[in-house]
Amino acid sequence: MAVEKIIKIKENNEEQFTKEFNELEKQRNEEVNSILSNKEYINWLLNFLNSYPSFIDDSLYFSNNISKTDKLNLNKLKLLYKGIDKYCKNNYLYPTLTEYGKYYKIKYNDITFIIGYIIGENSYYYSKKIDGLDNCIDFDNILNHINIENIESIKIDLKKLSNQIKLLYEYGIPTLAIKECVDNTLNEIEENKTLRKTIKL
């Protein structure tokens, strides 16, 4: 309803639209921060996963088998995802891409689960309990705002790369040529990674 209201406002008043949009964004950020401000929600999620090892954030999926509290918390799953997504972007941690969406692999209290987003005619967020603790994002680090160890050196190196690309452009090299070179280099890296995995097998 809030989004529909904003669209109507935009049609009539651009300034009012900007104000309403900013207020909505502020509200969403506060809701996300609230989810990550304590362990209440993550503890609920782990308990819920014990009863429902795989689920989506639609209470209709459960018929009338869950409590009102569970229904309310289901609607907050997207807030948890957005909070995790924000943390990961700031730390250059990227989701696993699927054909229809993406997900993050999270560990907390020796329990591993994925939380993801499916894009389609009926988009939804979901979570699933899985085995294994390898290659997971530690939720304790998210709760405590702990960045990855080499975050500053990554920022410095990426800044150097950005400046080098700008310098190439100033030398007159077409942006498409620069992009092609970067893409080819990245493709070569991915091919080598795939080859090494194949050799190990």
N, C-alpha and C. Protein backbone atom coordinates (compact mmCIF):
# COMPACT_ATOMS: atom_id res chain seq x y z
N MET A 1 0.83 -1.20 0.00
CA MET A 1 0.00 0.00 0.00
C MET A 1 0.86 1.25 0.00
N ALA A 2 1.97 1.21 0.76
CA ALA A 2 2.85 2.38 0.81
C ALA A 2 3.44 2.69 -0.55
N VAL A 3 3.82 1.65 -1.31
CA VAL A 3 4.40 1.83 -2.64
C VAL A 3 3.36 2.42 -3.60
N GLU A 4 2.13 1.91 -3.54
CA GLU A 4 1.06 2.42 -4.40
C GLU A 4 0.78 3.88 -4.09
N LYS A 5 0.82 4.22 -2.82
CA LYS A 5 0.60 5.61 -2.41
C LYS A 5 1.67 6.51 -2.99
N ILE A 6 2.92 6.06 -2.96
CA ILE A 6 4.03 6.86 -3.47
C ILE A 6 3.91 7.06 -4.98
N ILE A 7 3.48 6.02 -5.71
CA ILE A 7 3.32 6.13 -7.16
C ILE A 7 2.28 7.20 -7.50
N LYS A 8 1.18 7.20 -6.76
CA LYS A 8 0.14 8.21 -6.99
C LYS A 8 0.66 9.61 -6.69
N ILE A 9 1.45 9.73 -5.62
CA ILE A 9 2.02 11.02 -5.26
C ILE A 9 2.96 11.51 -6.36
N LYS A 10 3.75 10.59 -6.94
CA LYS A 10 4.70 10.97 -7.97
C LYS A 10 4.00 11.57 -9.18
N GLU A 11 2.83 11.03 -9.50
CA GLU A 11 2.09 11.53 -10.65
C GLU A 11 1.64 12.96 -10.45
N ASN A 12 1.48 13.38 -9.19
CA ASN A 12 0.94 14.71 -8.90
C ASN A 12 1.99 15.71 -8.41
N ASN A 13 3.00 15.20 -7.73
CA ASN A 13 3.96 16.12 -7.11
C ASN A 13 5.30 15.44 -6.94
N GLU A 14 6.28 15.85 -7.72
CA GLU A 14 7.60 15.23 -7.70
C GLU A 14 8.30 15.44 -6.37
N GLU A 15 8.17 16.63 -5.80
CA GLU A 15 8.82 16.94 -4.53
C GLU A 15 8.23 16.10 -3.40
N GLN A 16 6.91 15.96 -3.40
CA GLN A 16 6.26 15.15 -2.38
C GLN A 16 6.63 13.69 -2.54
N PHE A 17 6.79 13.25 -3.80
CA PHE A 17 7.22 11.87 -4.07
C PHE A 17 8.58 11.59 -3.46
N THR A 18 9.51 12.51 -3.67
CA THR A 18 10.86 12.34 -3.13
C THR A 18 10.83 12.26 -1.61
N LYS A 19 10.02 13.10 -1.01
CA LYS A 19 9.90 13.11 0.45
C LYS A 19 9.34 11.79 0.96
N GLU A 20 8.25 11.32 0.34
CA GLU A 20 7.63 10.07 0.76
C GLU A 20 8.56 8.88 0.53
N PHE A 21 9.28 8.90 -0.60
CA PHE A 21 10.21 7.82 -0.91
C PHE A 21 11.33 7.75 0.12
N ASN A 22 11.88 8.90 0.47
CA ASN A 22 12.96 8.93 1.46
C ASN A 22 12.48 8.46 2.83
N GLU A 23 11.25 8.82 3.18
CA GLU A 23 10.69 8.39 4.46
C GLU A 23 10.48 6.87 4.47
N LEU A 24 10.04 6.33 3.33
CA LEU A 24 9.84 4.88 3.24
C LEU A 24 11.18 4.15 3.34
N GLU A 25 12.21 4.67 2.67
CA GLU A 25 13.54 4.06 2.74
C GLU A 25 14.08 4.10 4.16
N LYS A 26 13.85 5.23 4.84
CA LYS A 26 14.31 5.36 6.23
C LYS A 26 13.62 4.34 7.11
N GLN A 27 12.30 4.16 6.90
CA GLN A 27 11.55 3.19 7.68
C GLN A 27 12.06 1.77 7.44
N ARG A 28 12.32 1.44 6.17
CA ARG A 28 12.82 0.11 5.84
C ARG A 28 14.18 -0.13 6.47
N ASN A 29 15.05 0.86 6.41
CA ASN A 29 16.38 0.71 7.01
C ASN A 29 16.29 0.51 8.52
N GLU A 30 15.36 1.21 9.16
CA GLU A 30 15.17 1.05 10.59
C GLU A 30 14.67 -0.35 10.92
N GLU A 31 13.79 -0.88 10.08
CA GLU A 31 13.27 -2.23 10.29
C GLU A 31 14.37 -3.27 10.12
N VAL A 32 15.22 -3.08 9.11
CA VAL A 32 16.34 -3.99 8.89
C VAL A 32 17.31 -3.93 10.07
N ASN A 33 17.63 -2.72 10.50
CA ASN A 33 18.54 -2.57 11.63
C ASN A 33 17.98 -3.18 12.90
N SER A 34 16.66 -3.10 13.05
CA SER A 34 16.02 -3.70 14.23
C SER A 34 16.17 -5.21 14.23
N ILE A 35 16.04 -5.83 13.07
CA ILE A 35 16.19 -7.28 12.95
C ILE A 35 17.60 -7.71 13.36
N LEU A 36 18.59 -6.87 13.03
CA LEU A 36 19.99 -7.21 13.28
C LEU A 36 20.53 -6.63 14.58
N SER A 37 19.67 -5.99 15.34
CA SER A 37 20.13 -5.34 16.57
C SER A 37 20.25 -6.30 17.75
N ASN A 38 19.63 -7.47 17.61
CA ASN A 38 19.70 -8.46 18.69
C ASN A 38 19.52 -9.86 18.10
N LYS A 39 19.50 -10.87 18.97
CA LYS A 39 19.45 -12.26 18.51
C LYS A 39 18.03 -12.83 18.48
N GLU A 40 17.05 -12.01 18.79
CA GLU A 40 15.69 -12.51 18.90
C GLU A 40 15.19 -13.13 17.59
N TYR A 41 15.39 -12.42 16.48
CA TYR A 41 14.85 -12.93 15.22
C TYR A 41 15.63 -14.15 14.72
N ILE A 42 16.94 -14.10 14.80
CA ILE A 42 17.74 -15.22 14.30
C ILE A 42 17.46 -16.47 15.13
N ASN A 43 17.23 -16.31 16.43
CA ASN A 43 16.89 -17.46 17.27
C ASN A 43 15.52 -18.02 16.87
N TRP A 44 14.58 -17.12 16.57
CA TRP A 44 13.28 -17.60 16.09
C TRP A 44 13.46 -18.39 14.79
N LEU A 45 14.27 -17.86 13.88
CA LEU A 45 14.48 -18.51 12.59
C LEU A 45 15.05 -19.92 12.76
N LEU A 46 16.04 -20.06 13.60
CA LEU A 46 16.65 -21.38 13.81
C LEU A 46 15.64 -22.36 14.41
N ASN A 47 14.85 -21.89 15.34
CA ASN A 47 13.81 -22.75 15.92
C ASN A 47 12.77 -23.14 14.88
N PHE A 48 12.42 -22.17 14.04
CA PHE A 48 11.42 -22.43 13.01
C PHE A 48 11.95 -23.42 11.98
N LEU A 49 13.24 -23.31 11.68
CA LEU A 49 13.85 -24.25 10.72
C LEU A 49 13.89 -25.67 11.27
N ASN A 50 13.94 -25.80 12.58
CA ASN A 50 13.89 -27.15 13.16
C ASN A 50 12.55 -27.81 12.88
N SER A 51 11.49 -27.01 12.84
CA SER A 51 10.15 -27.55 12.56
C SER A 51 9.86 -27.59 11.07
N TYR A 52 10.38 -26.59 10.36
CA TYR A 52 10.16 -26.49 8.92
C TYR A 52 11.51 -26.25 8.24
N PRO A 53 12.24 -27.33 7.91
CA PRO A 53 13.61 -27.19 7.38
C PRO A 53 13.70 -26.43 6.05
N SER A 54 12.59 -26.24 5.38
CA SER A 54 12.59 -25.48 4.13
C SER A 54 11.24 -24.78 4.01
N PHE A 55 11.28 -23.45 3.79
CA PHE A 55 10.02 -22.72 3.72
C PHE A 55 10.18 -21.41 2.96
N ILE A 56 9.06 -20.83 2.56
CA ILE A 56 9.03 -19.52 1.91
C ILE A 56 8.30 -18.55 2.83
N ASP A 57 8.39 -17.25 2.53
CA ASP A 57 7.83 -16.24 3.43
C ASP A 57 6.36 -15.94 3.13
N ASP A 58 5.61 -16.94 2.84
CA ASP A 58 4.18 -16.79 2.58
C ASP A 58 3.42 -17.66 3.57
N SER A 59 2.68 -17.02 4.48
CA SER A 59 1.99 -17.78 5.52
C SER A 59 0.94 -18.72 4.95
N LEU A 60 0.44 -18.44 3.73
CA LEU A 60 -0.53 -19.32 3.10
C LEU A 60 0.08 -20.70 2.81
N TYR A 61 1.41 -20.72 2.70
CA TYR A 61 2.14 -21.97 2.45
C TYR A 61 1.93 -22.97 3.59
N PHE A 62 1.63 -22.42 4.78
CA PHE A 62 1.49 -23.26 5.97
C PHE A 62 0.04 -23.48 6.36
N SER A 63 -0.88 -22.93 5.59
CA SER A 63 -2.31 -23.03 5.93
C SER A 63 -2.50 -22.39 7.31
N ASN A 64 -3.10 -23.10 8.23
CA ASN A 64 -3.33 -22.56 9.58
C ASN A 64 -2.50 -23.29 10.63
N ASN A 65 -1.37 -23.84 10.21
CA ASN A 65 -0.59 -24.69 11.11
C ASN A 65 0.43 -23.93 11.94
N ILE A 66 0.55 -22.63 11.76
CA ILE A 66 1.55 -21.87 12.52
C ILE A 66 0.86 -20.76 13.32
N SER A 67 1.57 -20.26 14.31
CA SER A 67 1.01 -19.24 15.20
C SER A 67 1.03 -17.86 14.56
N LYS A 68 0.35 -16.92 15.20
CA LYS A 68 0.34 -15.54 14.71
C LYS A 68 1.75 -14.94 14.75
N THR A 69 2.49 -15.30 15.80
CA THR A 69 3.87 -14.81 15.92
C THR A 69 4.73 -15.31 14.76
N ASP A 70 4.56 -16.59 14.43
CA ASP A 70 5.31 -17.15 13.30
C ASP A 70 4.93 -16.46 12.00
N LYS A 71 3.66 -16.17 11.81
CA LYS A 71 3.21 -15.48 10.60
C LYS A 71 3.83 -14.09 10.49
N LEU A 72 3.87 -13.39 11.61
CA LEU A 72 4.49 -12.06 11.62
C LEU A 72 5.97 -12.14 11.30
N ASN A 73 6.64 -13.13 11.86
CA ASN A 73 8.07 -13.28 11.62
C ASN A 73 8.37 -13.74 10.20
N LEU A 74 7.47 -14.52 9.62
CA LEU A 74 7.64 -14.91 8.22
C LEU A 74 7.74 -13.68 7.32
N ASN A 75 6.90 -12.69 7.62
CA ASN A 75 6.89 -11.46 6.82
C ASN A 75 8.16 -10.64 7.00
N LYS A 76 8.92 -10.95 8.04
CA LYS A 76 10.16 -10.23 8.30
C LYS A 76 11.38 -10.91 7.69
N LEU A 77 11.18 -12.06 7.05
CA LEU A 77 12.32 -12.78 6.47
C LEU A 77 13.04 -11.92 5.44
N LYS A 78 12.29 -11.14 4.67
CA LYS A 78 12.90 -10.28 3.66
C LYS A 78 13.77 -9.20 4.31
N LEU A 79 13.42 -8.78 5.53
CA LEU A 79 14.24 -7.79 6.23
C LEU A 79 15.58 -8.40 6.62
N LEU A 80 15.54 -9.64 7.08
CA LEU A 80 16.79 -10.34 7.41
C LEU A 80 17.65 -10.48 6.17
N TYR A 81 17.02 -10.87 5.06
CA TYR A 81 17.77 -11.02 3.80
C TYR A 81 18.42 -9.70 3.41
N LYS A 82 17.67 -8.62 3.50
CA LYS A 82 18.20 -7.31 3.10
C LYS A 82 19.36 -6.89 4.00
N GLY A 83 19.25 -7.22 5.30
CA GLY A 83 20.34 -6.89 6.21
C GLY A 83 21.60 -7.68 5.90
N ILE A 84 21.44 -8.97 5.62
CA ILE A 84 22.57 -9.82 5.22
C ILE A 84 23.16 -9.33 3.91
N ASP A 85 22.29 -9.00 2.98
CA ASP A 85 22.72 -8.54 1.66
C ASP A 85 23.55 -7.26 1.78
N LYS A 86 23.11 -6.35 2.61
CA LYS A 86 23.83 -5.08 2.81
C LYS A 86 25.21 -5.33 3.40
N TYR A 87 25.27 -6.17 4.43
CA TYR A 87 26.56 -6.50 5.05
C TYR A 87 27.51 -7.12 4.03
N CYS A 88 26.98 -8.06 3.25
CA CYS A 88 27.82 -8.78 2.29
C CYS A 88 28.34 -7.85 1.19
N LYS A 89 27.50 -6.96 0.71
CA LYS A 89 27.95 -6.01 -0.32
C LYS A 89 29.07 -5.13 0.21
N ASN A 90 28.95 -4.72 1.47
CA ASN A 90 29.98 -3.87 2.07
C ASN A 90 31.28 -4.63 2.30
N ASN A 91 31.21 -5.96 2.29
CA ASN A 91 32.40 -6.78 2.54
C ASN A 91 32.81 -7.59 1.32
N TYR A 92 32.26 -7.26 0.17
CA TYR A 92 32.60 -7.94 -1.09
C TYR A 92 32.36 -9.44 -1.01
N LEU A 93 31.29 -9.80 -0.33
CA LEU A 93 30.85 -11.19 -0.25
C LEU A 93 29.60 -11.32 -1.11
N TYR A 94 29.64 -12.20 -2.07
CA TYR A 94 28.57 -12.22 -3.06
C TYR A 94 27.72 -13.49 -2.96
N PRO A 95 26.44 -13.36 -3.30
CA PRO A 95 25.53 -14.51 -3.19
C PRO A 95 25.79 -15.55 -4.27
N THR A 96 25.31 -16.73 -4.03
CA THR A 96 25.32 -17.77 -5.05
C THR A 96 24.12 -17.52 -5.97
N LEU A 97 24.39 -17.45 -7.27
CA LEU A 97 23.32 -17.18 -8.24
C LEU A 97 22.70 -18.49 -8.70
N THR A 98 21.39 -18.47 -8.86
CA THR A 98 20.66 -19.61 -9.39
C THR A 98 19.92 -19.16 -10.65
N GLU A 99 19.22 -20.09 -11.27
CA GLU A 99 18.51 -19.74 -12.50
C GLU A 99 17.45 -18.67 -12.26
N TYR A 100 16.84 -18.69 -11.09
CA TYR A 100 15.74 -17.77 -10.83
C TYR A 100 15.98 -16.82 -9.66
N GLY A 101 17.17 -16.80 -9.13
CA GLY A 101 17.40 -15.91 -8.01
C GLY A 101 18.80 -16.01 -7.44
N LYS A 102 18.92 -15.85 -6.13
CA LYS A 102 20.23 -15.89 -5.48
C LYS A 102 20.04 -16.19 -4.00
N TYR A 103 21.12 -16.65 -3.35
CA TYR A 103 21.03 -16.95 -1.92
C TYR A 103 22.39 -16.81 -1.26
N TYR A 104 22.35 -16.64 0.07
CA TYR A 104 23.55 -16.62 0.89
C TYR A 104 23.55 -17.85 1.79
N LYS A 105 24.74 -18.35 2.05
CA LYS A 105 24.91 -19.49 2.95
C LYS A 105 25.42 -18.96 4.29
N ILE A 106 24.64 -19.17 5.34
CA ILE A 106 24.91 -18.56 6.64
C ILE A 106 25.11 -19.64 7.71
N LYS A 107 26.01 -19.36 8.66
CA LYS A 107 26.16 -20.25 9.82
C LYS A 107 25.99 -19.44 11.10
N TYR A 108 25.36 -20.09 12.07
CA TYR A 108 25.16 -19.46 13.38
C TYR A 108 24.90 -20.55 14.41
N ASN A 109 25.65 -20.53 15.49
CA ASN A 109 25.52 -21.54 16.55
C ASN A 109 25.62 -22.96 15.99
N ASP A 110 26.58 -23.17 15.11
CA ASP A 110 26.85 -24.49 14.52
C ASP A 110 25.68 -25.01 13.67
N ILE A 111 24.82 -24.12 13.25
CA ILE A 111 23.72 -24.47 12.35
C ILE A 111 23.91 -23.71 11.05
N THR A 112 23.72 -24.40 9.94
CA THR A 112 23.90 -23.77 8.63
C THR A 112 22.57 -23.71 7.90
N PHE A 113 22.32 -22.58 7.27
CA PHE A 113 21.10 -22.44 6.48
C PHE A 113 21.36 -21.49 5.32
N ILE A 114 20.51 -21.55 4.36
CA ILE A 114 20.57 -20.58 3.27
C ILE A 114 19.35 -19.68 3.36
N ILE A 115 19.54 -18.45 2.93
CA ILE A 115 18.44 -17.50 2.85
C ILE A 115 18.53 -16.84 1.48
N GLY A 116 17.45 -16.88 0.74
CA GLY A 116 17.53 -16.42 -0.64
C GLY A 116 16.28 -15.72 -1.13
N TYR A 117 16.36 -15.37 -2.40
CA TYR A 117 15.29 -14.62 -3.05
C TYR A 117 15.04 -15.22 -4.41
N ILE A 118 13.79 -15.56 -4.70
CA ILE A 118 13.40 -16.10 -5.99
C ILE A 118 12.66 -15.02 -6.77
N ILE A 119 13.09 -14.78 -7.99
CA ILE A 119 12.47 -13.75 -8.83
C ILE A 119 11.61 -14.42 -9.88
N GLY A 120 10.37 -14.00 -9.99
CA GLY A 120 9.47 -14.58 -10.97
C GLY A 120 8.12 -13.92 -10.92
N GLU A 121 7.13 -14.58 -11.47
CA GLU A 121 5.77 -14.04 -11.45
C GLU A 121 5.30 -13.83 -10.01
N ASN A 122 5.65 -14.77 -9.14
CA ASN A 122 5.37 -14.65 -7.71
C ASN A 122 6.68 -14.70 -6.95
N SER A 123 7.33 -13.56 -6.82
CA SER A 123 8.63 -13.50 -6.15
C SER A 123 8.46 -13.73 -4.65
N TYR A 124 9.46 -14.36 -4.04
CA TYR A 124 9.39 -14.61 -2.61
C TYR A 124 10.78 -14.86 -2.04
N TYR A 125 10.88 -14.72 -0.72
CA TYR A 125 12.09 -15.03 0.02
C TYR A 125 11.93 -16.41 0.64
N TYR A 126 13.04 -17.07 0.86
CA TYR A 126 12.96 -18.42 1.40
C TYR A 126 14.18 -18.73 2.26
N SER A 127 14.06 -19.78 3.06
CA SER A 127 15.19 -20.24 3.86
C SER A 127 15.15 -21.76 3.91
N LYS A 128 16.33 -22.35 4.08
CA LYS A 128 16.44 -23.80 4.08
C LYS A 128 17.61 -24.22 4.95
N LYS A 129 17.38 -25.18 5.81
CA LYS A 129 18.44 -25.72 6.66
C LYS A 129 19.29 -26.69 5.86
N ILE A 130 20.62 -26.56 5.97
CA ILE A 130 21.52 -27.42 5.20
C ILE A 130 22.63 -27.95 6.11
N ASP A 131 23.41 -28.88 5.58
CA ASP A 131 24.53 -29.45 6.33
C ASP A 131 25.84 -28.79 5.93
N GLY A 132 26.82 -28.86 6.80
CA GLY A 132 28.16 -28.36 6.49
C GLY A 132 28.36 -26.94 6.94
N LEU A 133 29.57 -26.67 7.43
CA LEU A 133 29.89 -25.33 7.92
C LEU A 133 30.93 -24.62 7.05
N ASP A 134 31.31 -25.23 5.95
CA ASP A 134 32.35 -24.65 5.08
C ASP A 134 31.76 -23.57 4.18
N ASN A 135 32.60 -22.57 3.89
CA ASN A 135 32.25 -21.50 2.95
C ASN A 135 30.95 -20.79 3.32
N CYS A 136 30.79 -20.57 4.61
CA CYS A 136 29.59 -19.89 5.10
C CYS A 136 29.95 -18.49 5.62
N ILE A 137 28.96 -17.63 5.65
CA ILE A 137 29.11 -16.31 6.26
C ILE A 137 28.69 -16.43 7.72
N ASP A 138 29.56 -15.99 8.60
CA ASP A 138 29.30 -16.10 10.04
C ASP A 138 28.33 -15.01 10.47
N PHE A 139 27.15 -15.43 10.94
CA PHE A 139 26.13 -14.44 11.31
C PHE A 139 26.56 -13.63 12.53
N ASP A 140 27.42 -14.17 13.37
CA ASP A 140 27.95 -13.40 14.50
C ASP A 140 28.65 -12.14 14.02
N ASN A 141 29.37 -12.25 12.90
CA ASN A 141 30.05 -11.09 12.34
C ASN A 141 29.06 -10.03 11.86
N ILE A 142 27.93 -10.48 11.35
CA ILE A 142 26.89 -9.54 10.90
C ILE A 142 26.28 -8.85 12.11
N LEU A 143 25.94 -9.62 13.13
CA LEU A 143 25.35 -9.06 14.34
C LEU A 143 26.27 -8.04 15.00
N ASN A 144 27.57 -8.33 14.99
CA ASN A 144 28.55 -7.49 15.69
C ASN A 144 29.27 -6.50 14.77
N HIS A 145 28.80 -6.42 13.53
CA HIS A 145 29.37 -5.46 12.56
C HIS A 145 30.87 -5.65 12.38
N ILE A 146 31.28 -6.92 12.28
CA ILE A 146 32.70 -7.22 12.09
C ILE A 146 32.98 -7.45 10.61
N ASN A 147 33.82 -6.62 10.03
CA ASN A 147 34.16 -6.76 8.62
C ASN A 147 35.19 -7.87 8.42
N ILE A 148 35.30 -8.34 7.18
CA ILE A 148 36.32 -9.33 6.86
C ILE A 148 37.70 -8.73 7.12
N GLU A 149 38.68 -9.57 7.38
CA GLU A 149 39.99 -9.11 7.84
C GLU A 149 40.69 -8.19 6.85
N ASN A 150 40.60 -8.49 5.57
CA ASN A 150 41.37 -7.72 4.58
C ASN A 150 40.52 -6.69 3.85
N ILE A 151 39.46 -6.21 4.49
CA ILE A 151 38.53 -5.30 3.82
C ILE A 151 39.22 -4.01 3.35
N GLU A 152 40.11 -3.46 4.17
CA GLU A 152 40.75 -2.19 3.82
C GLU A 152 41.70 -2.36 2.64
N SER A 153 42.44 -3.46 2.61
CA SER A 153 43.36 -3.68 1.48
C SER A 153 42.58 -3.91 0.19
N ILE A 154 41.41 -4.56 0.29
CA ILE A 154 40.57 -4.77 -0.89
C ILE A 154 40.11 -3.42 -1.43
N LYS A 155 39.66 -2.54 -0.54
CA LYS A 155 39.21 -1.22 -0.96
C LYS A 155 40.33 -0.44 -1.66
N ILE A 156 41.53 -0.54 -1.08
CA ILE A 156 42.68 0.16 -1.66
C ILE A 156 43.00 -0.38 -3.05
N ASP A 157 43.02 -1.71 -3.19
CA ASP A 157 43.35 -2.33 -4.48
C ASP A 157 42.29 -2.01 -5.54
N LEU A 158 41.03 -2.03 -5.14
CA LEU A 158 39.96 -1.72 -6.09
C LEU A 158 40.02 -0.25 -6.50
N LYS A 159 40.40 0.60 -5.58
CA LYS A 159 40.56 2.02 -5.91
C LYS A 159 41.70 2.21 -6.91
N LYS A 160 42.78 1.48 -6.73
CA LYS A 160 43.90 1.53 -7.67
C LYS A 160 43.46 1.06 -9.06
N LEU A 161 42.67 -0.02 -9.09
CA LEU A 161 42.17 -0.53 -10.36
C LEU A 161 41.27 0.49 -11.03
N SER A 162 40.41 1.11 -10.25
CA SER A 162 39.51 2.14 -10.78
C SER A 162 40.30 3.30 -11.38
N ASN A 163 41.33 3.73 -10.67
CA ASN A 163 42.15 4.85 -11.18
C ASN A 163 42.89 4.46 -12.45
N GLN A 164 43.35 3.20 -12.52
CA GLN A 164 44.05 2.73 -13.72
C GLN A 164 43.12 2.71 -14.92
N ILE A 165 41.88 2.28 -14.71
CA ILE A 165 40.90 2.26 -15.79
C ILE A 165 40.60 3.68 -16.27
N LYS A 166 40.47 4.60 -15.33
CA LYS A 166 40.24 6.01 -15.70
C LYS A 166 41.42 6.56 -16.50
N LEU A 167 42.62 6.15 -16.11
CA LEU A 167 43.82 6.61 -16.81
C LEU A 167 43.84 6.08 -18.25
N LEU A 168 43.46 4.82 -18.45
CA LEU A 168 43.39 4.24 -19.79
C LEU A 168 42.39 5.01 -20.65
N TYR A 169 41.28 5.39 -20.05
CA TYR A 169 40.26 6.16 -20.79
C TYR A 169 40.82 7.52 -21.19
N GLU A 170 41.54 8.16 -20.26
CA GLU A 170 42.12 9.47 -20.56
C GLU A 170 43.18 9.38 -21.65
N TYR A 171 43.82 8.21 -21.78
CA TYR A 171 44.80 8.00 -22.85
C TYR A 171 44.12 7.79 -24.21
N GLY A 172 42.80 7.71 -24.20
CA GLY A 172 42.07 7.59 -25.46
C GLY A 172 41.62 6.18 -25.81
N ILE A 173 41.81 5.25 -24.91
CA ILE A 173 41.36 3.88 -25.19
C ILE A 173 39.84 3.82 -25.01
N PRO A 174 39.12 3.32 -26.01
CA PRO A 174 37.65 3.27 -25.94
C PRO A 174 37.17 2.46 -24.74
N THR A 175 36.07 2.90 -24.15
CA THR A 175 35.52 2.20 -22.99
C THR A 175 35.16 0.76 -23.32
N LEU A 176 34.68 0.51 -24.54
CA LEU A 176 34.34 -0.85 -24.93
C LEU A 176 35.57 -1.75 -24.98
N ALA A 177 36.69 -1.19 -25.39
CA ALA A 177 37.93 -1.96 -25.43
C ALA A 177 38.40 -2.29 -24.01
N ILE A 178 38.26 -1.31 -23.12
CA ILE A 178 38.63 -1.53 -21.72
C ILE A 178 37.74 -2.61 -21.10
N LYS A 179 36.44 -2.50 -21.35
CA LYS A 179 35.48 -3.47 -20.82
C LYS A 179 35.76 -4.87 -21.36
N GLU A 180 36.07 -4.96 -22.66
CA GLU A 180 36.35 -6.26 -23.26
C GLU A 180 37.59 -6.89 -22.63
N CYS A 181 38.60 -6.07 -22.37
CA CYS A 181 39.84 -6.57 -21.76
C CYS A 181 39.56 -7.09 -20.35
N VAL A 182 38.81 -6.32 -19.57
CA VAL A 182 38.49 -6.73 -18.20
C VAL A 182 37.65 -8.00 -18.21
N ASP A 183 36.64 -8.05 -19.08
CA ASP A 183 35.78 -9.23 -19.18
C ASP A 183 36.56 -10.47 -19.58
N ASN A 184 37.46 -10.31 -20.55
CA ASN A 184 38.28 -11.44 -21.00
C ASN A 184 39.17 -11.96 -19.88
N THR A 185 39.73 -11.05 -19.11
CA THR A 185 40.59 -11.43 -18.00
C THR A 185 39.80 -12.21 -16.94
N LEU A 186 38.61 -11.71 -16.62
CA LEU A 186 37.76 -12.38 -15.64
C LEU A 186 37.30 -13.74 -16.15
N ASN A 187 36.97 -13.83 -17.43
CA ASN A 187 36.56 -15.11 -18.01
C ASN A 187 37.70 -16.12 -17.96
N GLU A 188 38.92 -15.64 -18.20
CA GLU A 188 40.09 -16.51 -18.15
C GLU A 188 40.30 -17.04 -16.73
N ILE A 189 40.09 -16.18 -15.74
CA ILE A 189 40.21 -16.60 -14.34
C ILE A 189 39.19 -17.67 -14.02
N GLU A 190 37.94 -17.47 -14.45
CA GLU A 190 36.88 -18.44 -14.18
C GLU A 190 37.15 -19.77 -14.88
N GLU A 191 37.66 -19.71 -16.10
CA GLU A 191 37.99 -20.94 -16.82
C GLU A 191 39.09 -21.71 -16.12
N ASN A 192 40.08 -20.99 -15.60
CA ASN A 192 41.17 -21.66 -14.88
C ASN A 192 40.67 -22.28 -13.58
N LYS A 193 39.73 -21.59 -12.91
CA LYS A 193 39.15 -22.14 -11.69
C LYS A 193 38.41 -23.43 -11.98
N THR A 194 37.64 -23.42 -13.06
CA THR A 194 36.88 -24.61 -13.46
C THR A 194 37.82 -25.76 -13.81
N LEU A 195 38.91 -25.42 -14.51
CA LEU A 195 39.88 -26.44 -14.91
C LEU A 195 40.54 -27.06 -13.69
N ARG A 196 40.90 -26.24 -12.72
CA ARG A 196 41.53 -26.77 -11.50
C ARG A 196 40.58 -27.68 -10.73
N LYS A 197 39.31 -27.32 -10.68
CA LYS A 197 38.32 -28.17 -10.01
C LYS A 197 38.20 -29.51 -10.72
N THR A 198 38.23 -29.47 -12.07
CA THR A 198 38.11 -30.69 -12.86
C THR A 198 39.29 -31.61 -12.63
N ILE A 199 40.49 -31.02 -12.55
CA ILE A 199 41.70 -31.80 -12.32
C ILE A 199 41.67 -32.47 -10.95
N LYS A 200 41.16 -31.75 -9.94
CA LYS A 200 41.06 -32.31 -8.60
C LYS A 200 40.13 -33.50 -8.56
N LEU A 201 39.04 -33.41 -9.34
CA LEU A 201 38.09 -34.53 -9.39
C LEU A 201 38.72 -35.75 -10.05
